[in-house]
Amino acid sequence: MATPTRKGHFRTEAAFLDSDKRHSHVPFQHYGDMAPITWARIRRPKGQRDAAHLICDACGGVHHEHDKPGLLAAGEWRQTALGDRRPAGFHLSPLYSPRETWAEIAQECTCVAKDPARRPVWVNTKPDPVGSGLVLDHSQNITVAANAIAERYVSGHPS
């Protein structure tokens, strides 16, 4: 397991960008489709600090934390970048962890939002509210979406 900490300074980041970019997809039981668990699909009910659930984009169906083990067991790796000769590369968000709940991650996000000094660690190790797969750009103290990094990498402009 490796987590990039500085944009452009980690071999694992470059290797993943050059890979077939596999993400674990889980079944959404209400609709039957497979999709990754992403921060954008996590919801916290108002007034329920200790609760969070996963929403299906297609039908609005809800998966609760107690559904997570079954979702993970039925999950499968799917490549998201096309190309015959790309090596296999895997990305797995902490949202898949059986040791940390979606509510715990959401609570931590709330705390980080109030403490900018903690943001670099959050961005590099957890799903970020503005999207997953972010790497911190320390040269400008900003976050950069992984797909923006990938686009620059593919276009021949890795920096």
N, C-alpha and C. Protein backbone atom coordinates (compact mmCIF):
# COMPACT_ATOMS: atom_id res chain seq x y z
N MET A 1 0.84 -1.17 0.00
CA MET A 1 0.00 0.00 0.00
C MET A 1 0.89 1.23 0.00
N ALA A 2 0.54 2.20 -0.81
CA ALA A 2 1.31 3.44 -0.87
C ALA A 2 0.37 4.60 -1.11
N THR A 3 0.66 5.70 -0.47
CA THR A 3 -0.14 6.90 -0.63
C THR A 3 0.78 8.04 -1.04
N PRO A 4 0.59 8.63 -2.23
CA PRO A 4 1.43 9.75 -2.63
C PRO A 4 1.25 10.91 -1.65
N THR A 5 2.35 11.58 -1.32
CA THR A 5 2.27 12.71 -0.43
C THR A 5 2.61 14.03 -1.12
N ARG A 6 3.33 13.98 -2.21
CA ARG A 6 3.66 15.17 -2.97
C ARG A 6 3.49 14.88 -4.45
N LYS A 7 2.75 15.75 -5.11
CA LYS A 7 2.50 15.58 -6.54
C LYS A 7 3.83 15.51 -7.30
N GLY A 8 3.95 14.48 -8.12
CA GLY A 8 5.12 14.34 -8.97
C GLY A 8 6.36 13.81 -8.29
N HIS A 9 6.29 13.46 -7.01
CA HIS A 9 7.46 12.99 -6.28
C HIS A 9 7.31 11.55 -5.79
N PHE A 10 6.40 10.82 -6.36
CA PHE A 10 6.16 9.47 -5.84
C PHE A 10 6.02 8.51 -7.01
N ARG A 11 6.84 7.48 -7.02
CA ARG A 11 6.82 6.53 -8.14
C ARG A 11 5.49 5.80 -8.26
N THR A 12 4.83 5.57 -7.12
CA THR A 12 3.55 4.86 -7.18
C THR A 12 2.51 5.68 -7.93
N GLU A 13 2.52 6.99 -7.73
CA GLU A 13 1.59 7.87 -8.45
C GLU A 13 1.82 7.76 -9.96
N ALA A 14 3.07 7.87 -10.39
CA ALA A 14 3.38 7.78 -11.81
C ALA A 14 3.02 6.41 -12.37
N ALA A 15 3.30 5.36 -11.61
CA ALA A 15 2.98 4.00 -12.07
C ALA A 15 1.48 3.83 -12.23
N PHE A 16 0.70 4.34 -11.27
CA PHE A 16 -0.75 4.21 -11.38
C PHE A 16 -1.27 4.98 -12.59
N LEU A 17 -0.75 6.19 -12.82
CA LEU A 17 -1.20 6.99 -13.95
C LEU A 17 -0.89 6.31 -15.28
N ASP A 18 0.14 5.46 -15.30
CA ASP A 18 0.52 4.75 -16.52
C ASP A 18 -0.13 3.36 -16.61
N SER A 19 -0.94 3.02 -15.64
CA SER A 19 -1.54 1.68 -15.58
C SER A 19 -2.94 1.67 -16.21
N ASP A 20 -3.61 0.53 -16.04
CA ASP A 20 -4.99 0.42 -16.53
C ASP A 20 -5.99 0.95 -15.50
N LYS A 21 -5.51 1.49 -14.39
CA LYS A 21 -6.29 2.21 -13.37
C LYS A 21 -7.53 1.43 -12.91
N ARG A 22 -7.28 0.36 -12.20
CA ARG A 22 -8.39 -0.46 -11.70
C ARG A 22 -8.93 0.09 -10.38
N HIS A 23 -10.24 0.08 -10.28
CA HIS A 23 -10.95 0.48 -9.07
C HIS A 23 -11.92 -0.63 -8.71
N SER A 24 -12.11 -0.84 -7.42
CA SER A 24 -13.05 -1.86 -6.98
C SER A 24 -14.47 -1.34 -7.16
N HIS A 25 -15.28 -2.11 -7.85
CA HIS A 25 -16.70 -1.78 -8.05
C HIS A 25 -17.53 -2.75 -7.22
N VAL A 26 -18.54 -2.23 -6.57
CA VAL A 26 -19.42 -3.05 -5.73
C VAL A 26 -20.82 -3.02 -6.32
N PRO A 27 -21.62 -4.06 -6.04
CA PRO A 27 -22.98 -4.09 -6.58
C PRO A 27 -23.92 -3.18 -5.79
N PHE A 28 -24.68 -2.41 -6.50
CA PHE A 28 -25.75 -1.63 -5.87
C PHE A 28 -26.99 -2.49 -5.97
N GLN A 29 -27.39 -3.05 -4.84
CA GLN A 29 -28.39 -4.11 -4.80
C GLN A 29 -29.75 -3.70 -5.31
N HIS A 30 -30.10 -2.44 -5.20
CA HIS A 30 -31.43 -2.01 -5.60
C HIS A 30 -31.57 -1.88 -7.11
N TYR A 31 -30.46 -1.60 -7.79
CA TYR A 31 -30.50 -1.34 -9.23
C TYR A 31 -29.79 -2.43 -10.01
N GLY A 32 -28.82 -3.09 -9.37
CA GLY A 32 -28.08 -4.16 -10.02
C GLY A 32 -26.82 -3.72 -10.72
N ASP A 33 -26.52 -2.42 -10.73
CA ASP A 33 -25.34 -1.92 -11.39
C ASP A 33 -24.13 -2.04 -10.46
N MET A 34 -22.93 -2.00 -11.03
CA MET A 34 -21.69 -2.03 -10.26
C MET A 34 -21.05 -0.65 -10.37
N ALA A 35 -20.54 -0.15 -9.25
CA ALA A 35 -19.88 1.16 -9.24
C ALA A 35 -18.92 1.22 -8.06
N PRO A 36 -17.92 2.11 -8.13
CA PRO A 36 -17.00 2.25 -7.00
C PRO A 36 -17.67 2.99 -5.84
N ILE A 37 -17.16 2.76 -4.64
CA ILE A 37 -17.60 3.52 -3.48
C ILE A 37 -16.80 4.82 -3.49
N THR A 38 -17.47 5.93 -3.66
CA THR A 38 -16.80 7.23 -3.72
C THR A 38 -17.40 8.18 -2.69
N TRP A 39 -16.62 9.19 -2.34
CA TRP A 39 -17.08 10.20 -1.39
C TRP A 39 -18.35 10.87 -1.89
N ALA A 40 -18.47 11.07 -3.18
CA ALA A 40 -19.65 11.73 -3.75
C ALA A 40 -20.92 10.93 -3.50
N ARG A 41 -20.80 9.64 -3.22
CA ARG A 41 -21.98 8.79 -2.98
C ARG A 41 -22.28 8.61 -1.49
N ILE A 42 -21.46 9.18 -0.62
CA ILE A 42 -21.67 9.05 0.82
C ILE A 42 -22.53 10.22 1.30
N ARG A 43 -23.55 9.92 2.08
CA ARG A 43 -24.44 10.95 2.64
C ARG A 43 -24.52 10.79 4.15
N ARG A 44 -24.60 11.92 4.84
CA ARG A 44 -24.80 11.95 6.29
C ARG A 44 -26.17 12.52 6.57
N PRO A 45 -27.03 11.77 7.24
CA PRO A 45 -28.34 12.31 7.59
C PRO A 45 -28.17 13.48 8.57
N LYS A 46 -28.93 14.54 8.35
CA LYS A 46 -28.85 15.70 9.25
C LYS A 46 -29.17 15.29 10.68
N GLY A 47 -28.36 15.81 11.60
CA GLY A 47 -28.59 15.55 13.01
C GLY A 47 -28.14 14.18 13.49
N GLN A 48 -27.57 13.37 12.61
CA GLN A 48 -27.11 12.02 12.99
C GLN A 48 -25.61 11.92 12.78
N ARG A 49 -24.87 12.44 13.72
CA ARG A 49 -23.42 12.51 13.61
C ARG A 49 -22.78 11.14 13.41
N ASP A 50 -23.35 10.12 13.99
CA ASP A 50 -22.75 8.78 13.93
C ASP A 50 -23.31 7.93 12.80
N ALA A 51 -23.90 8.55 11.81
CA ALA A 51 -24.48 7.78 10.70
C ALA A 51 -24.00 8.34 9.36
N ALA A 52 -23.83 7.45 8.43
CA ALA A 52 -23.55 7.81 7.03
C ALA A 52 -23.92 6.60 6.20
N HIS A 53 -24.32 6.83 4.98
CA HIS A 53 -24.69 5.72 4.11
C HIS A 53 -24.28 6.00 2.67
N LEU A 54 -24.31 4.95 1.87
CA LEU A 54 -23.92 4.99 0.46
C LEU A 54 -25.18 5.05 -0.38
N ILE A 55 -25.20 5.97 -1.34
CA ILE A 55 -26.36 6.16 -2.22
C ILE A 55 -26.04 5.67 -3.63
N CYS A 56 -26.98 4.98 -4.23
CA CYS A 56 -26.86 4.56 -5.63
C CYS A 56 -27.25 5.75 -6.50
N ASP A 57 -26.35 6.13 -7.42
CA ASP A 57 -26.62 7.25 -8.33
C ASP A 57 -27.81 6.99 -9.23
N ALA A 58 -27.97 5.75 -9.65
CA ALA A 58 -29.00 5.42 -10.63
C ALA A 58 -30.41 5.43 -10.06
N CYS A 59 -30.57 4.88 -8.85
CA CYS A 59 -31.94 4.74 -8.33
C CYS A 59 -32.17 5.41 -6.97
N GLY A 60 -31.11 5.91 -6.35
CA GLY A 60 -31.25 6.54 -5.05
C GLY A 60 -31.33 5.55 -3.89
N GLY A 61 -31.14 4.27 -4.18
CA GLY A 61 -31.16 3.26 -3.12
C GLY A 61 -30.07 3.50 -2.09
N VAL A 62 -30.31 3.07 -0.87
CA VAL A 62 -29.40 3.33 0.25
C VAL A 62 -28.75 2.03 0.71
N HIS A 63 -27.43 2.08 0.91
CA HIS A 63 -26.69 1.00 1.55
C HIS A 63 -26.14 1.55 2.84
N HIS A 64 -26.41 0.85 3.93
CA HIS A 64 -25.94 1.26 5.24
C HIS A 64 -24.60 0.60 5.55
N GLU A 65 -23.96 1.08 6.58
CA GLU A 65 -22.65 0.55 6.98
C GLU A 65 -22.69 -0.96 7.17
N HIS A 66 -23.78 -1.49 7.71
CA HIS A 66 -23.84 -2.94 7.93
C HIS A 66 -23.91 -3.72 6.61
N ASP A 67 -24.16 -3.02 5.49
CA ASP A 67 -24.15 -3.66 4.18
C ASP A 67 -22.74 -3.78 3.60
N LYS A 68 -21.79 -3.02 4.17
CA LYS A 68 -20.45 -2.94 3.59
C LYS A 68 -19.77 -4.30 3.41
N PRO A 69 -19.77 -5.21 4.42
CA PRO A 69 -19.09 -6.49 4.20
C PRO A 69 -19.61 -7.26 2.98
N GLY A 70 -20.92 -7.26 2.78
CA GLY A 70 -21.49 -7.95 1.62
C GLY A 70 -21.12 -7.27 0.31
N LEU A 71 -21.10 -5.94 0.33
CA LEU A 71 -20.70 -5.19 -0.88
C LEU A 71 -19.25 -5.51 -1.24
N LEU A 72 -18.38 -5.50 -0.23
CA LEU A 72 -16.97 -5.76 -0.48
C LEU A 72 -16.74 -7.19 -0.98
N ALA A 73 -17.46 -8.14 -0.39
CA ALA A 73 -17.31 -9.54 -0.79
C ALA A 73 -17.74 -9.76 -2.24
N ALA A 74 -18.73 -9.00 -2.69
CA ALA A 74 -19.24 -9.16 -4.06
C ALA A 74 -18.56 -8.22 -5.05
N GLY A 75 -17.61 -7.43 -4.58
CA GLY A 75 -16.94 -6.46 -5.45
C GLY A 75 -16.03 -7.11 -6.46
N GLU A 76 -15.67 -6.33 -7.46
CA GLU A 76 -14.73 -6.80 -8.48
C GLU A 76 -13.90 -5.61 -8.97
N TRP A 77 -12.69 -5.91 -9.39
CA TRP A 77 -11.80 -4.89 -9.92
C TRP A 77 -12.13 -4.64 -11.39
N ARG A 78 -12.26 -3.37 -11.76
CA ARG A 78 -12.53 -3.02 -13.16
C ARG A 78 -11.54 -1.95 -13.60
N GLN A 79 -10.98 -2.17 -14.79
CA GLN A 79 -10.04 -1.18 -15.30
C GLN A 79 -10.82 0.02 -15.84
N THR A 80 -10.25 1.20 -15.64
CA THR A 80 -10.91 2.42 -16.09
C THR A 80 -10.13 3.14 -17.18
N ALA A 81 -8.94 2.66 -17.49
CA ALA A 81 -8.15 3.23 -18.59
C ALA A 81 -7.96 2.15 -19.64
N LEU A 82 -8.22 2.50 -20.86
CA LEU A 82 -8.10 1.54 -21.95
C LEU A 82 -6.67 1.45 -22.45
N GLY A 83 -6.34 0.34 -23.02
CA GLY A 83 -5.02 0.14 -23.60
C GLY A 83 -4.59 -1.29 -23.38
N ASP A 84 -4.16 -1.95 -24.44
CA ASP A 84 -3.82 -3.36 -24.38
C ASP A 84 -2.57 -3.66 -23.55
N ARG A 85 -1.59 -2.79 -23.59
CA ARG A 85 -0.31 -3.12 -22.97
C ARG A 85 -0.06 -2.38 -21.66
N ARG A 86 -1.09 -1.83 -21.07
CA ARG A 86 -0.92 -1.14 -19.79
C ARG A 86 -0.81 -2.16 -18.66
N PRO A 87 0.10 -1.92 -17.71
CA PRO A 87 0.17 -2.83 -16.56
C PRO A 87 -1.04 -2.63 -15.65
N ALA A 88 -1.34 -3.64 -14.86
CA ALA A 88 -2.45 -3.52 -13.91
C ALA A 88 -2.05 -2.56 -12.79
N GLY A 89 -2.95 -1.65 -12.44
CA GLY A 89 -2.73 -0.71 -11.34
C GLY A 89 -4.01 -0.64 -10.52
N PHE A 90 -3.89 -0.65 -9.20
CA PHE A 90 -5.06 -0.72 -8.33
C PHE A 90 -5.13 0.48 -7.40
N HIS A 91 -6.33 1.03 -7.22
CA HIS A 91 -6.58 2.11 -6.27
C HIS A 91 -7.73 1.69 -5.37
N LEU A 92 -7.54 1.85 -4.07
CA LEU A 92 -8.59 1.49 -3.13
C LEU A 92 -8.70 2.59 -2.09
N SER A 93 -9.84 3.22 -2.04
CA SER A 93 -10.11 4.30 -1.10
C SER A 93 -10.30 3.77 0.31
N PRO A 94 -10.01 4.59 1.32
CA PRO A 94 -10.30 4.19 2.71
C PRO A 94 -11.80 3.94 2.95
N LEU A 95 -12.66 4.38 2.05
CA LEU A 95 -14.09 4.13 2.21
C LEU A 95 -14.40 2.63 2.18
N TYR A 96 -13.48 1.81 1.67
CA TYR A 96 -13.66 0.37 1.61
C TYR A 96 -13.22 -0.32 2.90
N SER A 97 -12.58 0.39 3.79
CA SER A 97 -12.00 -0.21 4.98
C SER A 97 -13.05 -0.82 5.90
N PRO A 98 -12.83 -2.06 6.32
CA PRO A 98 -13.74 -2.66 7.31
C PRO A 98 -13.43 -2.15 8.72
N ARG A 99 -12.35 -1.41 8.88
CA ARG A 99 -11.93 -0.92 10.20
C ARG A 99 -12.35 0.51 10.48
N GLU A 100 -12.88 1.19 9.49
CA GLU A 100 -13.29 2.58 9.66
C GLU A 100 -14.64 2.77 8.97
N THR A 101 -15.59 3.34 9.68
CA THR A 101 -16.92 3.50 9.11
C THR A 101 -17.00 4.76 8.26
N TRP A 102 -18.01 4.81 7.41
CA TRP A 102 -18.24 6.01 6.59
C TRP A 102 -18.52 7.20 7.50
N ALA A 103 -19.23 6.98 8.60
CA ALA A 103 -19.52 8.06 9.54
C ALA A 103 -18.25 8.58 10.18
N GLU A 104 -17.33 7.70 10.54
CA GLU A 104 -16.06 8.14 11.13
C GLU A 104 -15.27 8.98 10.15
N ILE A 105 -15.24 8.57 8.89
CA ILE A 105 -14.53 9.34 7.87
C ILE A 105 -15.20 10.70 7.68
N ALA A 106 -16.52 10.73 7.65
CA ALA A 106 -17.26 11.99 7.51
C ALA A 106 -17.01 12.92 8.69
N GLN A 107 -16.96 12.37 9.91
CA GLN A 107 -16.67 13.18 11.09
C GLN A 107 -15.27 13.78 11.01
N GLU A 108 -14.32 12.97 10.57
CA GLU A 108 -12.95 13.46 10.42
C GLU A 108 -12.90 14.57 9.38
N CYS A 109 -13.65 14.43 8.32
CA CYS A 109 -13.71 15.46 7.29
C CYS A 109 -14.19 16.79 7.87
N THR A 110 -15.19 16.72 8.73
CA THR A 110 -15.71 17.93 9.37
C THR A 110 -14.63 18.59 10.22
N CYS A 111 -13.87 17.80 10.95
CA CYS A 111 -12.79 18.34 11.78
C CYS A 111 -11.69 18.96 10.92
N VAL A 112 -11.33 18.29 9.84
CA VAL A 112 -10.28 18.78 8.95
C VAL A 112 -10.69 20.10 8.29
N ALA A 113 -11.96 20.22 7.98
CA ALA A 113 -12.45 21.45 7.35
C ALA A 113 -12.22 22.66 8.26
N LYS A 114 -12.19 22.41 9.57
CA LYS A 114 -11.99 23.49 10.55
C LYS A 114 -10.51 23.70 10.88
N ASP A 115 -9.62 22.83 10.38
CA ASP A 115 -8.19 22.88 10.72
C ASP A 115 -7.35 22.71 9.45
N PRO A 116 -7.05 23.80 8.74
CA PRO A 116 -6.32 23.71 7.47
C PRO A 116 -4.96 23.02 7.57
N ALA A 117 -4.34 23.04 8.74
CA ALA A 117 -3.04 22.38 8.89
C ALA A 117 -3.14 20.87 8.71
N ARG A 118 -4.31 20.31 8.97
CA ARG A 118 -4.51 18.86 8.81
C ARG A 118 -4.91 18.48 7.39
N ARG A 119 -5.24 19.45 6.56
CA ARG A 119 -5.74 19.16 5.21
C ARG A 119 -4.77 18.35 4.34
N PRO A 120 -3.45 18.66 4.35
CA PRO A 120 -2.55 17.86 3.49
C PRO A 120 -2.61 16.36 3.79
N VAL A 121 -2.64 15.99 5.06
CA VAL A 121 -2.71 14.57 5.41
C VAL A 121 -4.04 13.99 4.97
N TRP A 122 -5.11 14.74 5.17
CA TRP A 122 -6.44 14.28 4.76
C TRP A 122 -6.49 14.03 3.25
N VAL A 123 -6.03 15.01 2.49
CA VAL A 123 -6.08 14.90 1.03
C VAL A 123 -5.28 13.71 0.54
N ASN A 124 -4.16 13.44 1.19
CA ASN A 124 -3.29 12.36 0.74
C ASN A 124 -3.70 10.97 1.23
N THR A 125 -4.58 10.89 2.23
CA THR A 125 -4.91 9.58 2.77
C THR A 125 -6.39 9.25 2.81
N LYS A 126 -7.25 10.22 2.61
CA LYS A 126 -8.69 9.99 2.69
C LYS A 126 -9.36 10.54 1.44
N PRO A 127 -10.62 10.15 1.24
CA PRO A 127 -11.36 10.75 0.15
C PRO A 127 -11.62 12.20 0.49
N ASP A 128 -11.48 13.08 -0.45
CA ASP A 128 -11.67 14.50 -0.20
C ASP A 128 -13.07 14.92 -0.64
N PRO A 129 -13.70 15.87 0.06
CA PRO A 129 -15.05 16.29 -0.30
C PRO A 129 -15.20 16.76 -1.74
N VAL A 130 -14.15 17.27 -2.33
CA VAL A 130 -14.26 17.76 -3.71
C VAL A 130 -13.99 16.68 -4.73
N GLY A 131 -13.69 15.47 -4.30
CA GLY A 131 -13.47 14.37 -5.23
C GLY A 131 -12.43 13.42 -4.68
N SER A 132 -12.37 12.24 -5.21
CA SER A 132 -11.38 11.28 -4.72
C SER A 132 -10.16 11.30 -5.62
N GLY A 133 -9.09 10.74 -5.16
CA GLY A 133 -7.87 10.64 -5.95
C GLY A 133 -7.13 11.94 -6.07
N LEU A 134 -7.07 12.71 -5.00
CA LEU A 134 -6.36 13.97 -5.03
C LEU A 134 -4.95 13.81 -4.48
N VAL A 135 -4.04 14.60 -5.02
CA VAL A 135 -2.67 14.64 -4.55
C VAL A 135 -2.38 16.09 -4.23
N LEU A 136 -1.72 16.35 -3.12
CA LEU A 136 -1.45 17.73 -2.73
C LEU A 136 -0.27 18.27 -3.52
N ASP A 137 -0.44 19.45 -4.10
CA ASP A 137 0.62 20.14 -4.82
C ASP A 137 1.26 21.10 -3.82
N HIS A 138 2.37 20.66 -3.19
CA HIS A 138 3.00 21.46 -2.15
C HIS A 138 3.63 22.74 -2.70
N SER A 139 4.00 22.75 -3.97
CA SER A 139 4.64 23.94 -4.51
C SER A 139 3.70 25.13 -4.53
N GLN A 140 2.40 24.87 -4.63
CA GLN A 140 1.43 25.96 -4.68
C GLN A 140 0.42 25.87 -3.55
N ASN A 141 0.57 24.85 -2.66
CA ASN A 141 -0.33 24.63 -1.54
C ASN A 141 -1.78 24.48 -1.99
N ILE A 142 -1.98 23.74 -3.07
CA ILE A 142 -3.33 23.48 -3.58
C ILE A 142 -3.48 21.99 -3.82
N THR A 143 -4.72 21.55 -3.96
CA THR A 143 -4.95 20.16 -4.32
C THR A 143 -5.18 20.08 -5.82
N VAL A 144 -4.79 18.96 -6.40
CA VAL A 144 -4.93 18.75 -7.83
C VAL A 144 -5.67 17.44 -8.04
N ALA A 145 -6.71 17.48 -8.83
CA ALA A 145 -7.47 16.26 -9.10
C ALA A 145 -6.61 15.28 -9.87
N ALA A 146 -6.71 14.01 -9.51
CA ALA A 146 -5.90 12.99 -10.16
C ALA A 146 -6.16 12.94 -11.66
N ASN A 147 -7.40 13.18 -12.09
CA ASN A 147 -7.66 13.13 -13.53
C ASN A 147 -6.95 14.28 -14.25
N ALA A 148 -6.76 15.42 -13.58
CA ALA A 148 -6.01 16.52 -14.19
C ALA A 148 -4.55 16.13 -14.33
N ILE A 149 -4.01 15.44 -13.31
CA ILE A 149 -2.64 14.96 -13.39
C ILE A 149 -2.52 13.95 -14.53
N ALA A 150 -3.49 13.05 -14.61
CA ALA A 150 -3.46 12.03 -15.67
C ALA A 150 -3.53 12.67 -17.05
N GLU A 151 -4.36 13.68 -17.22
CA GLU A 151 -4.46 14.35 -18.52
C GLU A 151 -3.13 14.98 -18.90
N ARG A 152 -2.46 15.62 -17.95
CA ARG A 152 -1.16 16.22 -18.25
C ARG A 152 -0.14 15.15 -18.57
N TYR A 153 -0.21 14.03 -17.85
CA TYR A 153 0.73 12.94 -18.06
C TYR A 153 0.54 12.34 -19.45
N VAL A 154 -0.69 12.09 -19.82
CA VAL A 154 -1.00 11.50 -21.13
C VAL A 154 -0.61 12.45 -22.26
N SER A 155 -0.81 13.75 -22.04
CA SER A 155 -0.51 14.73 -23.09
C SER A 155 0.99 15.03 -23.20
N GLY A 156 1.79 14.42 -22.33
CA GLY A 156 3.22 14.63 -22.39
C GLY A 156 3.71 15.79 -21.55
N HIS A 157 2.84 16.33 -20.71
CA HIS A 157 3.21 17.43 -19.82
C HIS A 157 3.00 17.00 -18.38
N PRO A 158 3.93 16.17 -17.83
CA PRO A 158 3.73 15.60 -16.51
C PRO A 158 3.78 16.58 -15.34
N SER A 159 4.25 17.78 -15.54
CA SER A 159 4.32 18.72 -14.42
C SER A 159 3.24 19.78 -14.51
